[in-house]
């Protein structure tokens, strides 16, 4: 008897392979739908908690300075050290994920980073702050690419792009909810004789551990282990995934060292690095910029800090819809980068309220730029180097997450404000906008096909987040 499909499943499940046996497509579609309904919600929740735990330190900068003696320079360096630990251990973590499976490894990652966040409530000097931020990066390393690897083990290429897009939506949501939730926890200042920032780390860390434990009961590492799939569905889905994996294994291998000097890869890396500078500067310094308004409670600071991200997420999805079928995204990307530069520059002028409006403009430009950048980068590279090339762009470009907060902290300590850092962000965005003109233009329908293949079949980059 044919199964009744929900509206969610009808939207999410792609058309099955035309060349499969008649019984296989329906079984494959049912299996994909079950995976999306059962696994995606817990994975999105895990990503939301992940984003919250890596960025909550942005709300306690003043408290760390007063209670622990963490200067602006030390705060910026500590915020950035996370990305050093993350980059160093990302590849080894993914290798271990293949060995142990998602149920063990993703659960381990989440429980470990929850323990580190919990330990941060005991920070007592700058050294422990540095160590725990670095260890947090090590603990989180491999989570995002591990989930994408998990998708390759469960979903055929035709289903994976949309699943990845829904998963990334959890990251966008995290930027909105982090401020109010963190601000509310900071209102617990003095309860039990503990500072509000210590309560924040303790409760958010404990919640991460709890979600990690729950995830261990829900996640299923491999198709054959899923009790909620019939034998027919297991066989159909396993066959579809095996076909795609075989096709990818025939793709030519390219040395990443050679890709470092590839002109298009280097150009894309530079543009993405500039985008990461702006994105992480806003993430880690927005709460302190909002606090300059004065007279606000931690919860009010959290609410106001969510405004730029709400506007950015709305603009991001609107831009994605508007440009979905345009033949060349480069002009739109350049405009978004200029918009980000204008916002960063205007934030140095006028009152703190005007600064919040300007930062909102910068966030909108940055998020829209990220939406446009990755599809354009995927279709602009030769297919034979697309997967490895985009991995290089993502890995090196994300070093902006280390440079940006470190630079902001140093400039704030030496000049007394963040204007120098905002000028630097504006200049970097303008240079990136100029560089966009030299990115290779995608050509014809084949390029659009390569783009869809890259999204669904190989790489969805970390900082589309």
Protein backbone atom coordinates (compact mmCIF):
# COMPACT_ATOMS: atom_id res chain seq x y z
CA UNK A 1 0.00 0.00 0.00
CA UNK A 2 1.56 3.38 -0.93
CA UNK A 3 2.46 5.54 2.05
CA UNK A 4 0.81 8.91 2.65
CA UNK A 5 3.35 11.71 2.46
CA UNK A 6 3.29 14.81 4.60
CA UNK A 7 3.68 18.27 3.09
CA UNK A 8 7.21 18.35 4.59
CA UNK A 9 8.20 15.10 2.85
CA UNK A 10 6.68 16.19 -0.46
CA UNK A 11 8.77 19.37 -0.41
CA UNK A 12 11.97 17.70 0.75
CA UNK A 13 12.17 14.45 -1.22
CA UNK A 14 13.68 14.74 -4.72
CA UNK A 15 12.55 12.75 -7.71
CA UNK A 16 14.15 9.30 -7.71
CA UNK A 17 16.69 8.12 -10.27
CA UNK A 18 15.03 7.42 -13.60
CA UNK A 19 17.14 4.36 -14.34
CA UNK A 20 16.41 2.52 -11.12
CA UNK A 21 14.04 -0.45 -11.02
CA UNK A 22 10.40 0.46 -10.62
CA UNK A 23 10.25 -0.63 -6.98
CA UNK A 24 13.44 1.19 -5.97
CA UNK A 25 12.55 4.86 -6.55
CA UNK A 26 9.53 4.82 -4.24
CA UNK A 27 11.48 2.98 -1.54
CA UNK A 28 14.41 5.38 -1.89
CA UNK A 29 12.12 8.42 -1.60
CA UNK A 30 10.43 7.01 1.49
CA UNK A 31 13.82 6.31 3.09
CA UNK A 32 15.08 9.83 2.37
CA UNK A 33 11.90 11.32 3.82
CA UNK A 34 12.26 9.29 7.01
CA UNK A 35 15.86 10.42 7.43
CA UNK A 36 14.94 14.08 6.97
CA UNK A 37 12.10 13.90 9.48
CA UNK A 38 14.01 11.90 12.11
CA UNK A 39 17.60 13.15 11.86
CA UNK A 40 17.49 16.76 10.66
CA UNK A 41 15.69 18.24 13.70
CA UNK A 42 18.26 16.94 16.19
CA UNK A 43 21.15 17.95 13.88
CA UNK A 44 19.75 21.48 13.53
CA UNK A 45 19.37 21.74 17.32
CA UNK A 46 22.97 20.60 17.75
CA UNK A 47 24.17 23.25 15.28
CA UNK A 48 22.16 25.96 17.02
CA UNK A 49 23.78 25.07 20.36
CA UNK A 50 27.16 24.87 18.62
CA UNK A 51 26.90 28.42 17.30
CA UNK A 52 25.67 29.73 20.63
CA UNK A 53 28.52 28.18 22.58
CA UNK A 54 31.27 29.43 20.28
CA UNK A 55 29.99 33.05 20.24
CA UNK A 56 28.50 33.58 23.74
CA UNK A 57 31.86 34.96 24.91
CA UNK A 58 31.02 38.13 22.96
CA UNK A 59 28.45 39.06 25.62
CA UNK A 60 30.76 38.89 28.63
CA UNK A 61 33.73 40.98 27.51
CA UNK A 62 33.17 43.70 30.14
CA UNK A 63 32.56 41.12 32.88
CA UNK A 64 35.78 39.25 32.02
CA UNK A 65 37.71 42.50 32.15
CA UNK A 66 36.29 43.45 35.55
CA UNK A 67 36.42 40.03 37.24
CA UNK A 68 39.38 38.30 35.60
CA UNK A 69 41.47 41.13 34.14
CA UNK A 70 41.00 40.16 30.47
CA UNK A 71 41.91 43.27 28.48
CA UNK A 72 40.45 44.04 25.05
CA UNK A 73 43.62 42.72 23.41
CA UNK A 74 43.50 39.51 25.46
CA UNK A 75 39.79 39.10 24.75
CA UNK A 76 40.32 39.47 21.01
CA UNK A 77 43.20 37.00 21.02
CA UNK A 78 41.23 34.50 23.10
CA UNK A 79 38.19 34.80 20.85
CA UNK A 80 40.42 34.13 17.85
CA UNK A 81 42.35 31.21 19.37
CA UNK A 82 39.22 29.13 18.98
CA UNK A 83 39.77 29.09 15.22
CA UNK A 84 43.38 27.93 15.52
CA UNK A 85 42.35 24.85 17.51
CA UNK A 86 39.42 24.28 15.17
CA UNK A 87 41.56 24.43 12.02
CA UNK A 88 44.31 22.16 13.38
CA UNK A 89 41.99 19.33 14.38
CA UNK A 90 39.23 19.55 11.76
CA UNK A 91 40.70 16.93 9.39
CA UNK A 92 41.75 14.40 12.10
CA UNK A 93 38.29 14.69 13.62
CA UNK A 94 36.63 13.88 10.31
CA UNK A 95 38.86 10.82 9.88
CA UNK A 96 37.79 9.57 13.31
CA UNK A 97 34.17 10.26 12.40
CA UNK A 98 34.51 7.83 9.48
CA UNK A 99 35.94 5.21 11.82
CA UNK A 100 33.54 5.47 14.76
CA UNK A 101 30.36 6.67 13.06
CA UNK A 102 28.12 9.67 13.66
CA UNK A 103 26.34 8.32 16.72
CA UNK A 104 29.58 7.97 18.67
CA UNK A 105 31.63 10.80 17.21
CA UNK A 106 29.10 13.65 16.87
CA UNK A 107 27.83 12.84 20.35
CA UNK A 108 31.41 12.87 21.67
CA UNK A 109 32.08 16.22 20.03
CA UNK A 110 29.01 17.83 21.55
CA UNK A 111 29.50 16.47 25.06
CA UNK A 112 33.17 17.49 24.97
CA UNK A 113 32.50 21.07 23.94
CA UNK A 114 29.75 21.25 26.56
CA UNK A 115 32.28 20.24 29.22
CA UNK A 116 34.67 22.95 28.01
CA UNK A 117 31.92 25.61 28.14
CA UNK A 118 31.05 24.39 31.64
CA UNK A 119 34.72 24.71 32.63
CA UNK A 120 34.76 28.33 31.41
CA UNK A 121 32.67 29.36 34.39
CA UNK A 122 35.85 28.73 36.43
CA UNK A 123 38.08 31.11 34.42
CA UNK A 124 40.30 32.97 36.90
CA UNK A 125 43.03 34.56 34.76
CA UNK A 126 43.98 35.36 31.19
CA UNK A 127 45.93 32.13 30.74
CA UNK A 128 42.95 29.91 31.55
CA UNK A 129 40.85 32.01 29.19
CA UNK A 130 43.34 31.41 26.37
CA UNK A 131 43.62 27.69 27.08
CA UNK A 132 39.89 27.06 27.27
CA UNK A 133 39.12 29.00 24.09
CA UNK A 134 41.76 26.99 22.22
CA UNK A 135 40.49 23.71 23.71
CA UNK A 136 36.93 24.68 22.76
CA UNK A 137 38.07 24.94 19.13
CA UNK A 138 39.71 21.52 19.41
CA UNK A 139 36.53 20.05 20.95
CA UNK A 140 34.24 21.50 18.27
CA UNK A 141 36.57 20.61 15.39
CA UNK A 142 34.92 18.32 12.92
CA UNK A 143 31.30 18.89 13.94
CA UNK A 144 30.15 20.84 10.89
CA UNK A 145 32.12 18.86 8.27
CA UNK A 146 31.22 15.71 10.22
CA UNK A 147 27.51 16.39 9.68
CA UNK A 148 28.15 17.00 5.97
CA UNK A 149 30.05 13.69 5.85
CA UNK A 150 27.09 12.07 7.62
CA UNK A 151 24.84 13.35 4.83
CA UNK A 152 27.08 11.70 2.21
CA UNK A 153 26.72 8.39 4.05
CA UNK A 154 22.92 8.62 4.13
CA UNK A 155 21.69 10.72 1.21
CA UNK A 156 22.18 10.53 -2.56
CA UNK A 157 23.56 13.63 -4.25
CA UNK A 158 20.12 14.72 -5.45
CA UNK A 159 18.86 15.05 -1.87
CA UNK A 160 21.90 16.38 -0.09
CA UNK A 161 21.92 20.01 -1.25
CA UNK A 162 18.52 20.81 0.21
CA UNK A 163 19.24 18.91 3.41
CA UNK A 164 22.43 20.94 3.84
CA UNK A 165 20.54 24.19 3.25
CA UNK A 166 18.02 23.34 5.99
CA UNK A 167 20.87 22.38 8.31
CA UNK A 168 22.57 25.73 7.66
CA UNK A 169 19.32 27.48 8.55
CA UNK A 170 20.00 26.47 12.15
CA UNK A 171 23.13 28.61 12.09
CA UNK A 172 21.19 31.65 10.93
CA UNK A 173 18.65 31.10 13.70
CA UNK A 174 21.43 30.81 16.28
CA UNK A 175 22.60 34.37 15.62
CA UNK A 176 19.10 35.60 16.45
CA UNK A 177 18.44 33.61 19.61
CA UNK A 178 21.94 33.75 21.15
CA UNK A 179 21.59 37.35 22.30
CA UNK A 180 18.27 37.12 24.16
CA UNK A 181 19.08 33.74 25.75
CA UNK A 182 22.56 34.77 26.85
CA UNK A 183 21.32 38.13 28.06
CA UNK A 184 18.61 36.46 30.16
CA UNK A 185 21.18 34.15 31.78
CA UNK A 186 23.41 37.11 32.61
CA UNK A 187 20.48 38.54 34.60
CA UNK A 188 21.18 35.78 37.14
CA UNK A 189 24.09 37.84 38.45
CA UNK A 190 24.41 37.40 42.21
CA UNK A 191 22.25 34.28 42.45
CA UNK A 192 23.99 31.93 44.86
CA UNK A 193 26.86 34.41 45.11
CA UNK A 194 28.00 33.75 41.53
CA UNK A 195 28.53 36.26 38.73
CA UNK A 196 26.06 36.22 35.87
CA UNK A 197 28.70 35.27 33.30
CA UNK A 198 29.62 32.20 35.34
CA UNK A 199 25.96 31.14 35.41
CA UNK A 200 25.78 31.66 31.64
CA UNK A 201 28.73 29.35 30.91
CA UNK A 202 27.57 26.77 33.46
CA UNK A 203 23.98 26.49 32.21
CA UNK A 204 24.78 26.65 28.49
CA UNK A 205 27.51 24.04 28.96
CA UNK A 206 25.17 21.76 30.91
CA UNK A 207 22.50 22.13 28.22
CA UNK A 208 25.04 21.18 25.53
CA UNK A 209 25.95 18.03 27.45
CA UNK A 210 22.27 17.14 27.84
CA UNK A 211 21.55 17.62 24.12
CA UNK A 212 24.64 15.55 23.31
CA UNK A 213 23.39 12.68 25.46
CA UNK A 214 19.94 12.85 23.89
CA UNK A 215 21.50 12.90 20.41
CA UNK A 216 23.27 9.66 21.23
CA UNK A 217 19.88 7.94 21.46
CA UNK A 218 18.54 9.42 18.21
CA UNK A 219 21.46 9.35 15.77
CA UNK A 220 21.96 6.25 13.65
CA UNK A 221 25.42 5.89 12.14
CA UNK A 222 24.67 3.74 9.11
CA UNK A 223 21.72 2.88 6.91
CA UNK A 224 21.77 -0.78 7.83
CA UNK A 225 21.36 0.05 11.54
CA UNK A 226 18.13 2.04 11.13
CA UNK A 227 15.23 0.09 12.67
CA UNK A 228 12.75 2.58 11.23
CA UNK A 229 13.61 1.61 7.64
CA UNK A 230 12.22 -1.48 5.96
CA UNK A 231 14.62 -3.88 4.28
CA UNK A 232 13.46 -2.62 0.88
CA UNK A 233 14.14 1.00 1.90
CA UNK A 234 17.57 0.12 3.28
CA UNK A 235 18.56 -1.63 0.08
CA UNK A 236 17.25 1.17 -2.15
CA UNK A 237 18.94 3.96 -0.19
CA UNK A 238 22.21 2.05 0.16
CA UNK A 239 22.31 1.45 -3.58
CA UNK A 240 21.68 5.13 -4.40
CA UNK A 241 24.40 6.30 -2.01
CA UNK A 242 26.83 3.67 -3.32
CA UNK A 243 26.29 4.83 -6.91
CA UNK A 244 27.06 8.42 -6.02
CA UNK A 245 30.11 7.49 -3.98
CA UNK A 246 31.46 5.45 -6.88
CA UNK A 247 30.98 8.38 -9.24
CA UNK A 248 32.80 10.75 -6.88
CA UNK A 249 35.67 8.30 -6.46
CA UNK A 250 36.39 8.55 -10.19
CA UNK A 251 36.92 12.34 -9.97
CA UNK A 252 40.57 13.39 -10.52
CA UNK A 253 42.59 14.17 -7.39
CA UNK A 254 44.34 17.54 -7.12
CA UNK A 255 47.04 18.46 -4.60
CA UNK A 256 45.93 21.19 -2.20
CA UNK A 257 49.46 22.61 -2.26
CA UNK A 258 49.14 23.19 -6.00
CA UNK A 259 45.74 24.77 -5.47
CA UNK A 260 47.30 27.44 -3.24
CA UNK A 261 48.84 29.08 -6.30
CA UNK A 262 45.83 28.58 -8.56
CA UNK A 263 44.76 32.17 -9.50
CA UNK A 264 41.02 31.62 -9.08
CA UNK A 265 41.40 29.71 -5.81
CA UNK A 266 43.70 32.43 -4.42
CA UNK A 267 41.27 35.16 -5.49
CA UNK A 268 38.28 33.41 -3.96
CA UNK A 269 40.25 32.83 -0.76
CA UNK A 270 41.04 36.55 -0.51
CA UNK A 271 37.41 37.55 -1.02
CA UNK A 272 36.16 35.04 1.52
CA UNK A 273 38.85 36.07 4.02
CA UNK A 274 37.56 39.67 3.84
CA UNK A 275 34.01 38.43 4.36
CA UNK A 276 35.09 36.36 7.39
CA UNK A 277 36.82 39.41 8.87
CA UNK A 278 33.56 41.36 8.87
CA UNK A 279 31.36 38.46 9.96
CA UNK A 280 33.40 37.53 13.01
CA UNK A 281 34.10 41.13 13.99
CA UNK A 282 30.36 41.73 14.22
CA UNK A 283 29.78 38.41 16.00
CA UNK A 284 32.32 39.02 18.78
CA UNK A 285 32.14 42.81 19.17
CA UNK A 286 28.47 43.62 18.52
CA UNK A 287 27.39 43.22 22.19
CA UNK A 288 30.07 45.65 23.39
CA UNK A 289 29.07 48.15 20.69
CA UNK A 290 25.43 47.88 21.78
CA UNK A 291 26.45 48.31 25.44
CA UNK A 292 27.85 51.76 24.56
CA UNK A 293 24.24 52.96 24.26
CA UNK A 294 24.19 52.93 28.07
CA UNK A 295 21.51 52.19 30.63
CA UNK A 296 20.72 48.76 29.22
CA UNK A 297 20.34 45.51 31.13
CA UNK A 298 22.14 42.38 29.82
CA UNK A 299 18.83 41.07 28.51
CA UNK A 300 18.14 44.33 26.66
CA UNK A 301 21.64 44.20 25.16
CA UNK A 302 20.91 40.67 24.01
CA UNK A 303 17.62 41.71 22.40
CA UNK A 304 19.18 44.65 20.57
CA UNK A 305 22.10 42.47 19.45
CA UNK A 306 19.60 40.22 17.68
CA UNK A 307 18.28 43.05 15.47
CA UNK A 308 21.16 43.06 12.94
CA UNK A 309 20.90 39.29 12.54
CA UNK A 310 17.12 39.31 12.11
CA UNK A 311 17.46 41.87 9.33
CA UNK A 312 20.42 39.97 7.85
CA UNK A 313 18.61 36.62 7.75
CA UNK A 314 15.54 38.17 6.09
CA UNK A 315 17.76 39.92 3.53
CA UNK A 316 19.83 36.77 2.99
CA UNK A 317 16.88 34.58 2.03
CA UNK A 318 15.35 37.37 -0.07
CA UNK A 319 18.62 37.81 -1.96
CA UNK A 320 18.96 34.05 -2.49
CA UNK A 321 15.45 33.93 -3.99
CA UNK A 322 16.02 37.02 -6.14
CA UNK A 323 19.31 35.80 -7.62
CA UNK A 324 18.45 32.12 -7.91
CA UNK A 325 18.28 32.20 -11.71
CA UNK A 326 20.53 35.13 -12.65
CA UNK A 327 23.35 34.16 -15.06
CA UNK A 328 26.04 36.16 -13.20
CA UNK A 329 26.05 36.82 -9.46
CA UNK A 330 29.23 38.90 -9.44
CA UNK A 331 27.61 42.38 -9.65
CA UNK A 332 25.25 41.51 -6.78
CA UNK A 333 28.14 40.20 -4.67
CA UNK A 334 30.15 43.37 -5.29
CA UNK A 335 27.18 45.53 -4.26
CA UNK A 336 26.73 43.52 -1.04
CA UNK A 337 30.42 43.88 -0.16
CA UNK A 338 30.25 47.64 -0.75
CA UNK A 339 27.14 47.76 1.44
CA UNK A 340 29.08 45.94 4.18
CA UNK A 341 31.94 48.44 3.81
CA UNK A 342 29.58 51.41 4.06
CA UNK A 343 27.99 49.97 7.20
CA UNK A 344 31.36 49.39 8.86
CA UNK A 345 32.49 52.93 8.03
CA UNK A 346 29.24 54.58 9.18
CA UNK A 347 29.48 52.73 12.51
CA UNK A 348 32.36 55.07 13.42
CA UNK A 349 30.10 58.11 13.08
CA UNK A 350 27.23 59.46 15.16
CA UNK A 351 25.62 58.06 18.31
CA UNK A 352 25.62 54.43 19.50
CA UNK A 353 22.06 54.08 18.22
CA UNK A 354 23.24 55.21 14.79
CA UNK A 355 26.14 52.77 15.15
CA UNK A 356 23.67 49.92 15.72
CA UNK A 357 21.85 50.90 12.52
CA UNK A 358 25.16 51.00 10.64
CA UNK A 359 26.25 47.60 11.97
CA UNK A 360 22.88 46.23 10.86
CA UNK A 361 23.70 47.48 7.37
CA UNK A 362 27.11 45.78 7.54
CA UNK A 363 25.54 42.51 8.75
CA UNK A 364 22.97 42.57 5.94
CA UNK A 365 25.71 43.12 3.37
CA UNK A 366 27.89 40.38 4.85
CA UNK A 367 25.17 37.73 5.07
CA UNK A 368 23.88 38.46 1.57
CA UNK A 369 27.46 38.29 0.29
CA UNK A 370 27.88 34.83 1.83
CA UNK A 371 24.66 33.68 0.17
CA UNK A 372 25.96 34.79 -3.21
CA UNK A 373 29.61 33.84 -2.78
CA UNK A 374 29.45 30.06 -2.42
CA UNK A 375 27.18 29.24 -5.39
CA UNK A 376 29.25 31.62 -7.52
CA UNK A 377 32.53 30.09 -6.34
CA UNK A 378 31.24 26.59 -7.02
CA UNK A 379 30.24 27.42 -10.59
CA UNK A 380 33.35 29.54 -11.24
CA UNK A 381 35.91 26.78 -10.63
CA UNK A 382 36.67 23.94 -13.01
CA UNK A 383 34.75 20.86 -11.94
CA UNK A 384 37.95 18.82 -11.60
CA UNK A 385 39.26 21.13 -8.85
CA UNK A 386 35.96 22.35 -7.37
CA UNK A 387 35.79 20.13 -4.29
CA UNK A 388 39.44 20.49 -3.23
CA UNK A 389 39.56 24.15 -4.24
CA UNK A 390 36.53 25.10 -2.17
CA UNK A 391 37.97 23.24 0.83
CA UNK A 392 41.13 25.38 0.54
CA UNK A 393 39.05 28.56 0.25
CA UNK A 394 37.01 27.60 3.30
CA UNK A 395 39.99 26.57 5.46
CA UNK A 396 42.24 29.56 4.74
CA UNK A 397 39.44 32.11 4.49
CA UNK A 398 38.14 31.19 7.93
CA UNK A 399 41.43 32.39 9.42
CA UNK A 400 39.68 35.75 9.32
CA UNK A 401 37.96 34.46 12.45
CA UNK A 402 41.33 34.63 14.21
CA UNK A 403 42.62 37.88 12.68
CA UNK A 404 39.48 39.97 13.09
CA UNK A 405 38.80 39.76 16.86
CA UNK A 406 42.53 39.89 17.61
CA UNK A 407 42.95 43.07 15.56
CA UNK A 408 39.88 44.69 17.12
CA UNK A 409 41.11 43.96 20.63
CA UNK A 410 44.57 45.38 19.99
CA UNK A 411 43.21 48.54 18.36
CA UNK A 412 40.70 49.09 21.16
CA UNK A 413 43.44 48.88 23.81
CA UNK A 414 45.83 51.14 21.90
CA UNK A 415 43.34 53.75 20.64
CA UNK A 416 40.49 53.52 23.16
CA UNK A 417 37.84 52.62 20.56
CA UNK A 418 37.08 50.22 17.73
CA UNK A 419 37.10 52.80 14.95
CA UNK A 420 40.43 51.61 13.55
CA UNK A 421 39.09 48.05 13.30
CA UNK A 422 35.93 49.24 11.55
CA UNK A 423 38.01 51.24 9.06
CA UNK A 424 40.04 48.11 8.37
CA UNK A 425 36.86 46.10 7.78
CA UNK A 426 35.55 48.74 5.40
CA UNK A 427 38.81 48.75 3.45
CA UNK A 428 38.92 44.94 3.27
CA UNK A 429 35.34 44.80 1.97
CA UNK A 430 36.08 47.40 -0.71
CA UNK A 431 39.16 45.46 -1.86
CA UNK A 432 37.10 42.27 -1.93
CA UNK A 433 34.44 44.03 -4.04
CA UNK A 434 37.13 45.05 -6.52
CA UNK A 435 38.48 41.50 -6.57
CA UNK A 436 35.06 40.12 -7.48
CA UNK A 437 35.45 41.62 -10.97
CA UNK A 438 38.32 39.18 -11.63
CA UNK A 439 36.45 36.04 -10.52
CA UNK A 440 35.70 33.89 -13.52
CA UNK A 441 32.17 34.25 -14.82
CA UNK A 442 30.16 31.00 -15.03
CA UNK A 443 29.32 30.07 -18.59
CA UNK A 444 26.05 28.62 -19.81
CA UNK A 445 23.79 25.85 -18.55
CA UNK A 446 26.71 23.53 -17.90
CA UNK A 447 28.00 25.88 -15.26
CA UNK A 448 24.62 25.90 -13.56
CA UNK A 449 24.65 22.09 -13.58
CA UNK A 450 28.15 22.05 -12.08
CA UNK A 451 26.98 24.47 -9.41
CA UNK A 452 24.08 22.25 -8.38
CA UNK A 453 26.37 19.23 -8.36
CA UNK A 454 28.89 21.03 -6.15
CA UNK A 455 26.22 22.08 -3.66
CA UNK A 456 24.58 18.69 -3.46
CA UNK A 457 27.48 16.38 -4.02
CA UNK A 458 30.75 17.75 -2.70
CA UNK A 459 31.10 20.86 -0.61
CA UNK A 460 28.86 23.13 1.41
CA UNK A 461 31.30 25.46 3.09
CA UNK A 462 31.40 26.09 6.84
CA UNK A 463 30.96 29.78 6.66
CA UNK A 464 27.99 29.94 4.50
CA UNK A 465 27.10 29.84 8.19
